[in-house]
Every structure is written in structure tokens, then in C-alpha cells.
Amino acid sequence: MKKLIVFFTLLSISFASFAGNVEKERAKVLDTKTEILARLYQESPETKGKIANAAGYATFSNVGVNVIFVSAGGGSGVVHNNESGKNTFMSMGSGGLGLGLGVKDFRAVFIFNTQKAMSDFTNNGWDFSGQADAAAKSGDKGGEGSVAKTAVKDVEVYQMTENGIALQATLQGTKYWKNDKLN
């Protein structure tokens, strides 16, 4: 009987620890979302109205690497449905081809102009885009110039470099999926 009590005590402690970690991870993603939007509104004030009038939006924190002809990246984020107020936590991974060299930590914002575009993104999670950027940035020091254009209908994309150094022009394929642990 003692072993059974110890087992259930350890199980409940493990579950409480797991639940606490999930809440911390969700809070971190939501804090990052707030920081990303504040920066976007400062750099592109017109986006505040676009996001307010959109079906929803997504924010992602990403790290990308480009070595000569191949690029890869990964990150996490959240899709916010403006109509329902619901957040869907997501993960992402990308790969691409093009010319370039560098590593950068960047933020992305997707604005979904229709419910269908947001639903397709959340449930199917593919994006095909072309990107070109030059960045040499560390915190507030340095500069960047980025252009990203998605092939997905009714979606606008904005990218901002947080840190890194990169000079690249790539065609990217990115898979986004629901984070089962956080949803």
C-alpha cells in the first residue's frame, strides 16, 4: 500500500510540474506575441488597422540558417482568431533553396484577411514564399532590410530581424502545425 501511495504522489507531482511547464510555455509565446506586435506597430503603424480588421493573425519567433544554396529554420508561435478570441499554439519548420549565407533570429507576422485563409493555415499549415534580405543586427544595433512574399491567397506577411547576420535570396517552403502539448 505504501508503494502505491508513493507512486500516486510522484505521479501527481509530475503532472503538476508538466501542467506548470505548459502554462509557462504558453505565457512565453503570448508574451512574445505582444512584443512582436508592439514592434510591428512601431515600424509599420498601418498594420494595426489591418490586424484589427482581419479575420485573425499569427506571430512567430524563428531562427533561420542559410548556407550557400540551402536554408532551414524552425520556431513557434500562435494564431489568434479575432472573431472568437481563441489562440492556437503552433510550431514550424522550413527549408528552402537559394543563394545566401547567414544565421538570423527573426519574427514573422501573418495577417489573415479571411476566415478560410486562417483556417487553412491553422489546419493545413503550408506556406510557400520568396524572401530576400540583408541583415546585420544585434539587439538595437545594426540594420536590416527584408522582403517576403507569400504565395498563399488572402495572407500578408511581415518579417523583422531580431539578431543575426545574413545576406540571402531564397524560395522557402514552411510547414506549420498545431502544438499538441500547448493546445
N, C-alpha and C. Protein backbone atom coordinates (compact mmCIF):
# COMPACT_ATOMS: atom_id res chain seq x y z
N MET A 1 0.82 -1.19 0.00
CA MET A 1 0.00 0.00 0.00
C MET A 1 0.87 1.26 0.00
N LYS A 2 1.98 1.23 0.77
CA LYS A 2 2.88 2.37 0.82
C LYS A 2 3.45 2.69 -0.56
N LYS A 3 3.81 1.65 -1.30
CA LYS A 3 4.37 1.84 -2.65
C LYS A 3 3.33 2.47 -3.57
N LEU A 4 2.09 2.08 -3.42
CA LEU A 4 1.01 2.65 -4.22
C LEU A 4 0.82 4.14 -3.91
N ILE A 5 0.88 4.50 -2.66
CA ILE A 5 0.76 5.91 -2.25
C ILE A 5 1.93 6.72 -2.80
N VAL A 6 3.13 6.18 -2.68
CA VAL A 6 4.32 6.86 -3.22
C VAL A 6 4.19 7.03 -4.73
N PHE A 7 3.74 5.98 -5.43
CA PHE A 7 3.57 6.04 -6.88
C PHE A 7 2.60 7.16 -7.27
N PHE A 8 1.43 7.20 -6.62
CA PHE A 8 0.43 8.22 -6.97
C PHE A 8 0.88 9.62 -6.57
N THR A 9 1.64 9.73 -5.50
CA THR A 9 2.19 11.03 -5.10
C THR A 9 3.17 11.53 -6.15
N LEU A 10 4.07 10.65 -6.59
CA LEU A 10 5.03 11.03 -7.62
C LEU A 10 4.33 11.35 -8.94
N LEU A 11 3.31 10.59 -9.27
CA LEU A 11 2.54 10.83 -10.49
C LEU A 11 1.86 12.19 -10.44
N SER A 12 1.26 12.54 -9.30
CA SER A 12 0.58 13.83 -9.19
C SER A 12 1.57 14.98 -9.21
N ILE A 13 2.74 14.81 -8.61
CA ILE A 13 3.78 15.84 -8.66
C ILE A 13 4.26 16.03 -10.09
N SER A 14 4.47 14.93 -10.82
CA SER A 14 4.91 15.01 -12.21
C SER A 14 3.87 15.71 -13.07
N PHE A 15 2.60 15.38 -12.86
CA PHE A 15 1.53 16.01 -13.64
C PHE A 15 1.46 17.50 -13.34
N ALA A 16 1.56 17.87 -12.06
CA ALA A 16 1.52 19.29 -11.69
C ALA A 16 2.70 20.03 -12.29
N SER A 17 3.88 19.39 -12.29
CA SER A 17 5.06 20.01 -12.89
C SER A 17 4.88 20.19 -14.39
N PHE A 18 4.32 19.16 -15.07
CA PHE A 18 4.08 19.24 -16.51
C PHE A 18 3.08 20.35 -16.80
N ALA A 19 1.99 20.42 -16.06
CA ALA A 19 0.97 21.46 -16.27
C ALA A 19 1.56 22.84 -16.05
N GLY A 20 2.43 22.98 -15.04
CA GLY A 20 3.08 24.26 -14.79
C GLY A 20 3.99 24.66 -15.93
N ASN A 21 4.72 23.70 -16.49
CA ASN A 21 5.61 23.98 -17.62
C ASN A 21 4.81 24.39 -18.85
N VAL A 22 3.66 23.74 -19.07
CA VAL A 22 2.81 24.08 -20.21
C VAL A 22 2.32 25.52 -20.07
N GLU A 23 1.88 25.88 -18.88
CA GLU A 23 1.41 27.25 -18.66
C GLU A 23 2.54 28.26 -18.86
N LYS A 24 3.74 27.93 -18.41
CA LYS A 24 4.89 28.82 -18.61
C LYS A 24 5.20 28.98 -20.09
N GLU A 25 5.16 27.87 -20.84
CA GLU A 25 5.44 27.93 -22.28
C GLU A 25 4.38 28.75 -23.01
N ARG A 26 3.10 28.55 -22.66
CA ARG A 26 2.04 29.35 -23.27
C ARG A 26 2.25 30.83 -22.97
N ALA A 27 2.55 31.14 -21.72
CA ALA A 27 2.76 32.54 -21.32
C ALA A 27 3.93 33.14 -22.09
N LYS A 28 4.99 32.37 -22.29
CA LYS A 28 6.15 32.86 -23.04
C LYS A 28 5.77 33.18 -24.49
N VAL A 29 5.01 32.28 -25.13
CA VAL A 29 4.59 32.51 -26.51
C VAL A 29 3.69 33.74 -26.59
N LEU A 30 2.78 33.90 -25.63
CA LEU A 30 1.88 35.06 -25.64
C LEU A 30 2.62 36.36 -25.34
N ASP A 31 3.63 36.31 -24.46
CA ASP A 31 4.46 37.50 -24.21
C ASP A 31 5.23 37.88 -25.47
N THR A 32 5.77 36.87 -26.17
CA THR A 32 6.49 37.13 -27.41
C THR A 32 5.55 37.73 -28.45
N LYS A 33 4.31 37.24 -28.52
CA LYS A 33 3.31 37.79 -29.44
C LYS A 33 3.12 39.29 -29.18
N THR A 34 2.99 39.65 -27.91
CA THR A 34 2.80 41.06 -27.55
C THR A 34 4.00 41.91 -27.98
N GLU A 35 5.21 41.39 -27.75
CA GLU A 35 6.43 42.11 -28.15
C GLU A 35 6.52 42.27 -29.67
N ILE A 36 6.19 41.20 -30.39
CA ILE A 36 6.25 41.24 -31.85
C ILE A 36 5.27 42.28 -32.39
N LEU A 37 4.03 42.27 -31.89
CA LEU A 37 3.03 43.23 -32.37
C LEU A 37 3.43 44.66 -32.04
N ALA A 38 3.98 44.90 -30.85
CA ALA A 38 4.41 46.25 -30.48
C ALA A 38 5.48 46.75 -31.45
N ARG A 39 6.42 45.88 -31.78
CA ARG A 39 7.48 46.27 -32.72
C ARG A 39 6.90 46.52 -34.11
N LEU A 40 6.01 45.64 -34.57
CA LEU A 40 5.41 45.80 -35.89
C LEU A 40 4.65 47.12 -35.96
N TYR A 41 3.86 47.43 -34.94
CA TYR A 41 3.07 48.67 -34.93
C TYR A 41 3.97 49.91 -34.93
N GLN A 42 5.13 49.79 -34.26
CA GLN A 42 6.08 50.90 -34.24
C GLN A 42 6.71 51.09 -35.62
N GLU A 43 7.10 49.98 -36.27
CA GLU A 43 7.78 50.06 -37.56
C GLU A 43 6.82 50.27 -38.74
N SER A 44 5.61 49.74 -38.63
CA SER A 44 4.61 49.85 -39.70
C SER A 44 3.25 50.14 -39.08
N PRO A 45 3.00 51.39 -38.69
CA PRO A 45 1.77 51.73 -37.97
C PRO A 45 0.48 51.33 -38.69
N GLU A 46 0.51 51.28 -40.01
CA GLU A 46 -0.70 50.92 -40.76
C GLU A 46 -1.16 49.49 -40.49
N THR A 47 -0.27 48.64 -39.99
CA THR A 47 -0.63 47.24 -39.75
C THR A 47 -1.60 47.09 -38.58
N LYS A 48 -1.63 48.05 -37.68
CA LYS A 48 -2.54 47.97 -36.53
C LYS A 48 -3.99 47.91 -37.01
N GLY A 49 -4.35 48.75 -37.96
CA GLY A 49 -5.69 48.73 -38.53
C GLY A 49 -5.96 47.48 -39.33
N LYS A 50 -4.94 47.03 -40.08
CA LYS A 50 -5.09 45.81 -40.88
C LYS A 50 -5.39 44.61 -39.97
N ILE A 51 -4.65 44.52 -38.87
CA ILE A 51 -4.84 43.39 -37.96
C ILE A 51 -6.20 43.49 -37.27
N ALA A 52 -6.59 44.68 -36.85
CA ALA A 52 -7.88 44.86 -36.19
C ALA A 52 -9.05 44.48 -37.09
N ASN A 53 -8.91 44.71 -38.40
CA ASN A 53 -9.99 44.42 -39.34
C ASN A 53 -9.88 43.05 -40.00
N ALA A 54 -8.84 42.30 -39.69
CA ALA A 54 -8.61 41.00 -40.30
C ALA A 54 -9.40 39.90 -39.58
N ALA A 55 -9.51 38.76 -40.23
CA ALA A 55 -10.12 37.59 -39.58
C ALA A 55 -9.26 37.14 -38.39
N GLY A 56 -7.96 37.32 -38.52
CA GLY A 56 -7.04 36.94 -37.45
C GLY A 56 -5.61 37.17 -37.89
N TYR A 57 -4.70 36.77 -37.03
CA TYR A 57 -3.28 36.95 -37.32
C TYR A 57 -2.47 35.89 -36.59
N ALA A 58 -1.22 35.76 -36.98
CA ALA A 58 -0.30 34.84 -36.31
C ALA A 58 1.02 35.55 -36.10
N THR A 59 1.67 35.24 -35.01
CA THR A 59 3.02 35.74 -34.74
C THR A 59 3.92 34.53 -34.50
N PHE A 60 5.13 34.59 -35.06
CA PHE A 60 6.09 33.51 -34.90
C PHE A 60 7.46 34.06 -34.59
N SER A 61 8.18 33.34 -33.75
CA SER A 61 9.57 33.60 -33.45
C SER A 61 10.35 32.47 -34.11
N ASN A 62 11.31 32.82 -34.98
CA ASN A 62 12.00 31.84 -35.80
C ASN A 62 13.51 32.03 -35.76
N VAL A 63 14.22 30.95 -35.98
CA VAL A 63 15.66 31.01 -36.21
C VAL A 63 15.90 30.34 -37.55
N GLY A 64 16.60 31.03 -38.44
CA GLY A 64 16.89 30.50 -39.76
C GLY A 64 18.37 30.48 -40.05
N VAL A 65 18.79 29.49 -40.80
CA VAL A 65 20.19 29.32 -41.20
C VAL A 65 20.23 29.16 -42.71
N ASN A 66 21.16 29.87 -43.35
CA ASN A 66 21.33 29.74 -44.79
C ASN A 66 22.81 29.50 -45.06
N VAL A 67 23.10 28.37 -45.73
CA VAL A 67 24.48 28.03 -46.08
C VAL A 67 24.54 27.82 -47.59
N ILE A 68 25.03 28.81 -48.29
CA ILE A 68 25.22 28.87 -49.74
C ILE A 68 23.92 28.61 -50.50
N PHE A 69 23.51 27.35 -50.74
CA PHE A 69 22.33 27.08 -51.55
C PHE A 69 21.13 26.56 -50.76
N VAL A 70 21.31 26.23 -49.49
CA VAL A 70 20.24 25.60 -48.70
C VAL A 70 19.94 26.43 -47.45
N SER A 71 18.64 26.54 -47.14
CA SER A 71 18.26 27.24 -45.92
C SER A 71 17.32 26.35 -45.11
N ALA A 72 17.33 26.52 -43.79
CA ALA A 72 16.46 25.76 -42.90
C ALA A 72 16.14 26.63 -41.69
N GLY A 73 15.03 26.34 -41.06
CA GLY A 73 14.65 27.12 -39.89
C GLY A 73 13.60 26.41 -39.07
N GLY A 74 13.34 26.97 -37.90
CA GLY A 74 12.33 26.41 -37.01
C GLY A 74 11.91 27.45 -36.00
N GLY A 75 10.74 27.23 -35.40
CA GLY A 75 10.26 28.17 -34.40
C GLY A 75 8.90 27.81 -33.88
N SER A 76 8.30 28.78 -33.18
CA SER A 76 6.99 28.57 -32.60
C SER A 76 6.21 29.87 -32.62
N GLY A 77 4.91 29.76 -32.41
CA GLY A 77 4.08 30.95 -32.41
C GLY A 77 2.65 30.64 -32.06
N VAL A 78 1.78 31.61 -32.39
CA VAL A 78 0.37 31.47 -32.05
C VAL A 78 -0.48 32.13 -33.13
N VAL A 79 -1.61 31.49 -33.45
CA VAL A 79 -2.60 32.06 -34.35
C VAL A 79 -3.73 32.58 -33.48
N HIS A 80 -4.11 33.84 -33.70
CA HIS A 80 -5.20 34.45 -32.93
C HIS A 80 -6.38 34.71 -33.85
N ASN A 81 -7.54 34.16 -33.49
CA ASN A 81 -8.78 34.35 -34.24
C ASN A 81 -9.46 35.59 -33.67
N ASN A 82 -9.55 36.67 -34.46
CA ASN A 82 -10.15 37.91 -33.97
C ASN A 82 -11.63 37.76 -33.65
N GLU A 83 -12.33 36.88 -34.36
CA GLU A 83 -13.77 36.72 -34.14
C GLU A 83 -14.07 36.00 -32.82
N SER A 84 -13.38 34.88 -32.59
CA SER A 84 -13.65 34.07 -31.39
C SER A 84 -12.76 34.44 -30.21
N GLY A 85 -11.62 35.09 -30.49
CA GLY A 85 -10.65 35.38 -29.43
C GLY A 85 -9.77 34.19 -29.08
N LYS A 86 -9.94 33.08 -29.78
CA LYS A 86 -9.19 31.85 -29.49
C LYS A 86 -7.77 31.93 -30.01
N ASN A 87 -6.83 31.40 -29.20
CA ASN A 87 -5.44 31.26 -29.61
C ASN A 87 -5.15 29.80 -29.91
N THR A 88 -4.45 29.54 -31.00
CA THR A 88 -3.98 28.20 -31.34
C THR A 88 -2.47 28.24 -31.39
N PHE A 89 -1.83 27.48 -30.51
CA PHE A 89 -0.37 27.47 -30.43
C PHE A 89 0.17 26.56 -31.52
N MET A 90 1.22 27.04 -32.20
CA MET A 90 1.76 26.36 -33.38
C MET A 90 3.27 26.19 -33.28
N SER A 91 3.78 25.24 -34.06
CA SER A 91 5.22 25.05 -34.27
C SER A 91 5.46 25.15 -35.77
N MET A 92 6.72 25.31 -36.16
CA MET A 92 7.02 25.45 -37.58
C MET A 92 8.42 24.93 -37.91
N GLY A 93 8.57 24.53 -39.16
CA GLY A 93 9.87 24.14 -39.69
C GLY A 93 9.91 24.53 -41.15
N SER A 94 11.07 24.97 -41.63
CA SER A 94 11.15 25.42 -43.02
C SER A 94 12.42 24.93 -43.69
N GLY A 95 12.35 24.91 -45.01
CA GLY A 95 13.50 24.56 -45.82
C GLY A 95 13.40 25.29 -47.14
N GLY A 96 14.53 25.61 -47.73
CA GLY A 96 14.47 26.34 -48.99
C GLY A 96 15.77 26.25 -49.77
N LEU A 97 15.68 26.79 -50.96
CA LEU A 97 16.82 26.85 -51.86
C LEU A 97 17.03 28.28 -52.31
N GLY A 98 18.26 28.64 -52.50
CA GLY A 98 18.59 29.98 -52.97
C GLY A 98 20.04 30.29 -52.66
N LEU A 99 20.40 31.51 -52.89
CA LEU A 99 21.76 31.95 -52.60
C LEU A 99 21.79 32.70 -51.29
N GLY A 100 22.81 32.43 -50.50
CA GLY A 100 22.93 33.21 -49.28
C GLY A 100 23.84 32.56 -48.27
N LEU A 101 24.05 33.31 -47.21
CA LEU A 101 24.88 32.87 -46.12
C LEU A 101 24.45 33.64 -44.89
N GLY A 102 24.25 32.95 -43.77
CA GLY A 102 23.94 33.66 -42.55
C GLY A 102 23.07 32.88 -41.60
N VAL A 103 22.92 33.46 -40.41
CA VAL A 103 22.06 32.96 -39.35
C VAL A 103 21.30 34.15 -38.82
N LYS A 104 19.98 34.00 -38.63
CA LYS A 104 19.24 35.12 -38.05
C LYS A 104 18.08 34.63 -37.22
N ASP A 105 17.81 35.39 -36.18
CA ASP A 105 16.67 35.20 -35.29
C ASP A 105 15.67 36.27 -35.72
N PHE A 106 14.54 35.85 -36.23
CA PHE A 106 13.60 36.84 -36.75
C PHE A 106 12.18 36.56 -36.30
N ARG A 107 11.34 37.55 -36.47
CA ARG A 107 9.93 37.48 -36.10
C ARG A 107 9.10 37.61 -37.36
N ALA A 108 7.99 36.89 -37.40
CA ALA A 108 7.09 36.96 -38.54
C ALA A 108 5.66 37.20 -38.05
N VAL A 109 4.94 38.00 -38.81
CA VAL A 109 3.52 38.24 -38.54
C VAL A 109 2.76 37.91 -39.82
N PHE A 110 1.73 37.10 -39.68
CA PHE A 110 0.83 36.77 -40.77
C PHE A 110 -0.51 37.43 -40.49
N ILE A 111 -1.05 38.13 -41.46
CA ILE A 111 -2.37 38.72 -41.33
C ILE A 111 -3.30 37.94 -42.26
N PHE A 112 -4.35 37.35 -41.68
CA PHE A 112 -5.30 36.54 -42.44
C PHE A 112 -6.51 37.41 -42.77
N ASN A 113 -6.70 37.69 -44.04
CA ASN A 113 -7.79 38.56 -44.46
C ASN A 113 -9.14 37.87 -44.52
N THR A 114 -9.15 36.52 -44.50
CA THR A 114 -10.40 35.77 -44.49
C THR A 114 -10.32 34.64 -43.46
N GLN A 115 -11.49 34.20 -42.99
CA GLN A 115 -11.55 33.05 -42.08
C GLN A 115 -11.00 31.81 -42.77
N LYS A 116 -11.28 31.66 -44.06
CA LYS A 116 -10.80 30.49 -44.80
C LYS A 116 -9.27 30.44 -44.83
N ALA A 117 -8.63 31.58 -45.09
CA ALA A 117 -7.17 31.62 -45.13
C ALA A 117 -6.60 31.23 -43.76
N MET A 118 -7.22 31.74 -42.68
CA MET A 118 -6.74 31.42 -41.34
C MET A 118 -6.98 29.95 -41.02
N SER A 119 -8.13 29.42 -41.37
CA SER A 119 -8.45 28.02 -41.12
C SER A 119 -7.52 27.10 -41.91
N ASP A 120 -7.29 27.43 -43.17
CA ASP A 120 -6.37 26.63 -43.99
C ASP A 120 -4.97 26.62 -43.39
N PHE A 121 -4.51 27.78 -42.94
CA PHE A 121 -3.18 27.88 -42.33
C PHE A 121 -3.11 27.04 -41.05
N THR A 122 -4.10 27.20 -40.19
CA THR A 122 -4.10 26.50 -38.90
C THR A 122 -4.22 24.99 -39.07
N ASN A 123 -5.05 24.56 -40.01
CA ASN A 123 -5.32 23.13 -40.15
C ASN A 123 -4.42 22.41 -41.14
N ASN A 124 -3.93 23.13 -42.15
CA ASN A 124 -3.07 22.50 -43.17
C ASN A 124 -1.63 22.96 -43.06
N GLY A 125 -1.42 24.22 -42.71
CA GLY A 125 -0.13 24.74 -42.35
C GLY A 125 0.99 24.78 -43.35
N TRP A 126 0.71 25.03 -44.61
CA TRP A 126 1.80 25.16 -45.58
C TRP A 126 1.91 26.60 -46.05
N ASP A 127 3.12 27.06 -46.25
CA ASP A 127 3.35 28.37 -46.84
C ASP A 127 4.51 28.24 -47.81
N PHE A 128 4.35 28.86 -48.95
CA PHE A 128 5.43 28.92 -49.93
C PHE A 128 5.71 30.38 -50.18
N SER A 129 6.96 30.77 -50.02
CA SER A 129 7.27 32.19 -50.12
C SER A 129 8.62 32.42 -50.76
N GLY A 130 8.79 33.64 -51.20
CA GLY A 130 10.08 34.10 -51.68
C GLY A 130 10.57 35.15 -50.70
N GLN A 131 11.84 35.11 -50.37
CA GLN A 131 12.39 36.05 -49.39
C GLN A 131 13.73 36.58 -49.88
N ALA A 132 13.96 37.82 -49.57
CA ALA A 132 15.27 38.42 -49.83
C ALA A 132 15.56 39.33 -48.65
N ASP A 133 16.74 39.20 -48.09
CA ASP A 133 17.07 40.12 -47.01
C ASP A 133 18.56 40.26 -46.80
N ALA A 134 18.88 41.38 -46.21
CA ALA A 134 20.23 41.68 -45.77
C ALA A 134 20.10 42.17 -44.34
N ALA A 135 20.81 41.53 -43.43
CA ALA A 135 20.69 41.90 -42.02
C ALA A 135 22.03 41.74 -41.33
N ALA A 136 22.33 42.70 -40.49
CA ALA A 136 23.46 42.64 -39.57
C ALA A 136 22.96 43.36 -38.33
N LYS A 137 22.46 42.58 -37.36
CA LYS A 137 21.78 43.19 -36.24
C LYS A 137 22.04 42.42 -34.97
N SER A 138 22.24 43.16 -33.88
CA SER A 138 22.36 42.60 -32.55
C SER A 138 21.62 43.52 -31.61
N GLY A 139 20.47 43.07 -31.13
CA GLY A 139 19.63 43.92 -30.28
C GLY A 139 19.20 45.16 -31.03
N ASP A 140 19.49 46.33 -30.47
CA ASP A 140 19.12 47.59 -31.11
C ASP A 140 20.17 48.10 -32.08
N LYS A 141 21.31 47.41 -32.17
CA LYS A 141 22.41 47.87 -33.02
C LYS A 141 22.35 47.16 -34.37
N GLY A 142 22.68 47.91 -35.41
CA GLY A 142 22.72 47.33 -36.74
C GLY A 142 21.47 47.67 -37.52
N GLY A 143 21.31 46.98 -38.65
CA GLY A 143 20.17 47.27 -39.50
C GLY A 143 19.76 46.05 -40.29
N GLU A 144 18.63 46.19 -40.95
CA GLU A 144 18.08 45.09 -41.74
C GLU A 144 17.23 45.64 -42.86
N GLY A 145 17.07 44.82 -43.86
CA GLY A 145 16.14 45.10 -44.94
C GLY A 145 15.60 43.77 -45.41
N SER A 146 14.29 43.57 -45.31
CA SER A 146 13.69 42.29 -45.66
C SER A 146 12.48 42.48 -46.54
N VAL A 147 12.29 41.53 -47.46
CA VAL A 147 11.10 41.47 -48.28
C VAL A 147 10.67 40.01 -48.27
N ALA A 148 9.40 39.76 -47.97
CA ALA A 148 8.86 38.40 -48.01
C ALA A 148 7.50 38.46 -48.69
N LYS A 149 7.30 37.57 -49.61
CA LYS A 149 6.03 37.50 -50.33
C LYS A 149 5.55 36.07 -50.31
N THR A 150 4.35 35.86 -49.78
CA THR A 150 3.79 34.51 -49.73
C THR A 150 2.97 34.21 -50.98
N ALA A 151 2.89 32.94 -51.30
CA ALA A 151 2.07 32.50 -52.44
C ALA A 151 0.66 32.13 -51.98
N VAL A 152 0.38 32.27 -50.68
CA VAL A 152 -0.91 31.90 -50.12
C VAL A 152 -1.88 33.07 -50.26
N LYS A 153 -3.05 32.80 -50.82
CA LYS A 153 -4.06 33.82 -51.07
C LYS A 153 -4.64 34.35 -49.75
N ASP A 154 -4.91 35.67 -49.72
CA ASP A 154 -5.55 36.36 -48.59
C ASP A 154 -4.70 36.38 -47.32
N VAL A 155 -3.37 36.31 -47.49
CA VAL A 155 -2.46 36.37 -46.34
C VAL A 155 -1.36 37.39 -46.65
N GLU A 156 -1.08 38.26 -45.67
CA GLU A 156 0.05 39.19 -45.77
C GLU A 156 1.10 38.77 -44.75
N VAL A 157 2.37 38.91 -45.10
CA VAL A 157 3.46 38.50 -44.22
C VAL A 157 4.40 39.68 -43.97
N TYR A 158 4.79 39.86 -42.71
CA TYR A 158 5.79 40.86 -42.32
C TYR A 158 6.88 40.16 -41.54
N GLN A 159 8.15 40.48 -41.87
CA GLN A 159 9.29 39.89 -41.16
C GLN A 159 10.15 40.99 -40.56
N MET A 160 10.69 40.70 -39.36
CA MET A 160 11.57 41.64 -38.67
C MET A 160 12.73 40.84 -38.06
N THR A 161 13.94 41.26 -38.34
CA THR A 161 15.11 40.58 -37.78
C THR A 161 15.35 41.05 -36.36
N GLU A 162 15.53 40.11 -35.46
CA GLU A 162 15.84 40.40 -34.07
C GLU A 162 17.35 40.48 -33.88
N ASN A 163 18.04 39.43 -34.28
CA ASN A 163 19.50 39.33 -34.21
C ASN A 163 20.00 38.48 -35.36
N GLY A 164 21.22 38.71 -35.77
CA GLY A 164 21.82 37.84 -36.76
C GLY A 164 22.53 38.60 -37.85
N ILE A 165 23.14 37.82 -38.71
CA ILE A 165 23.81 38.38 -39.87
C ILE A 165 23.47 37.47 -41.05
N ALA A 166 22.94 38.05 -42.11
CA ALA A 166 22.51 37.25 -43.25
C ALA A 166 22.45 38.10 -44.50
N LEU A 167 22.77 37.49 -45.60
CA LEU A 167 22.58 38.05 -46.93
C LEU A 167 22.07 36.90 -47.77
N GLN A 168 20.79 36.98 -48.18
CA GLN A 168 20.20 35.83 -48.84
C GLN A 168 19.02 36.18 -49.71
N ALA A 169 18.76 35.31 -50.67
CA ALA A 169 17.56 35.36 -51.50
C ALA A 169 17.15 33.90 -51.70
N THR A 170 15.99 33.52 -51.16
CA THR A 170 15.59 32.12 -51.17
C THR A 170 14.12 31.93 -51.55
N LEU A 171 13.82 30.74 -51.99
CA LEU A 171 12.45 30.26 -52.11
C LEU A 171 12.26 29.27 -50.98
N GLN A 172 11.24 29.49 -50.14
CA GLN A 172 11.05 28.72 -48.93
C GLN A 172 9.75 27.94 -48.97
N GLY A 173 9.78 26.77 -48.38
CA GLY A 173 8.58 26.01 -48.07
C GLY A 173 8.57 25.85 -46.56
N THR A 174 7.44 26.16 -45.94
CA THR A 174 7.37 26.09 -44.49
C THR A 174 6.13 25.30 -44.09
N LYS A 175 6.31 24.41 -43.13
CA LYS A 175 5.20 23.64 -42.59
C LYS A 175 4.91 24.16 -41.18
N TYR A 176 3.67 24.49 -40.96
CA TYR A 176 3.19 24.92 -39.64
C TYR A 176 2.24 23.84 -39.13
N TRP A 177 2.30 23.55 -37.83
CA TRP A 177 1.40 22.55 -37.27
C TRP A 177 1.02 22.93 -35.85
N LYS A 178 -0.14 22.44 -35.43
CA LYS A 178 -0.63 22.72 -34.08
C LYS A 178 0.30 22.04 -33.08
N ASN A 179 0.63 22.76 -32.03
CA ASN A 179 1.47 22.22 -30.96
C ASN A 179 0.56 21.48 -29.99
N ASP A 180 0.54 20.15 -30.08
CA ASP A 180 -0.36 19.35 -29.26
C ASP A 180 -0.14 19.55 -27.76
N LYS A 181 1.08 19.79 -27.39
CA LYS A 181 1.40 19.97 -25.96
C LYS A 181 0.79 21.26 -25.39
N LEU A 182 0.74 22.32 -26.19
CA LEU A 182 0.27 23.62 -25.69
C LEU A 182 -1.20 23.90 -25.95
N ASN A 183 -1.84 23.15 -26.83
CA ASN A 183 -3.26 23.39 -27.13
C ASN A 183 -4.19 22.55 -26.28
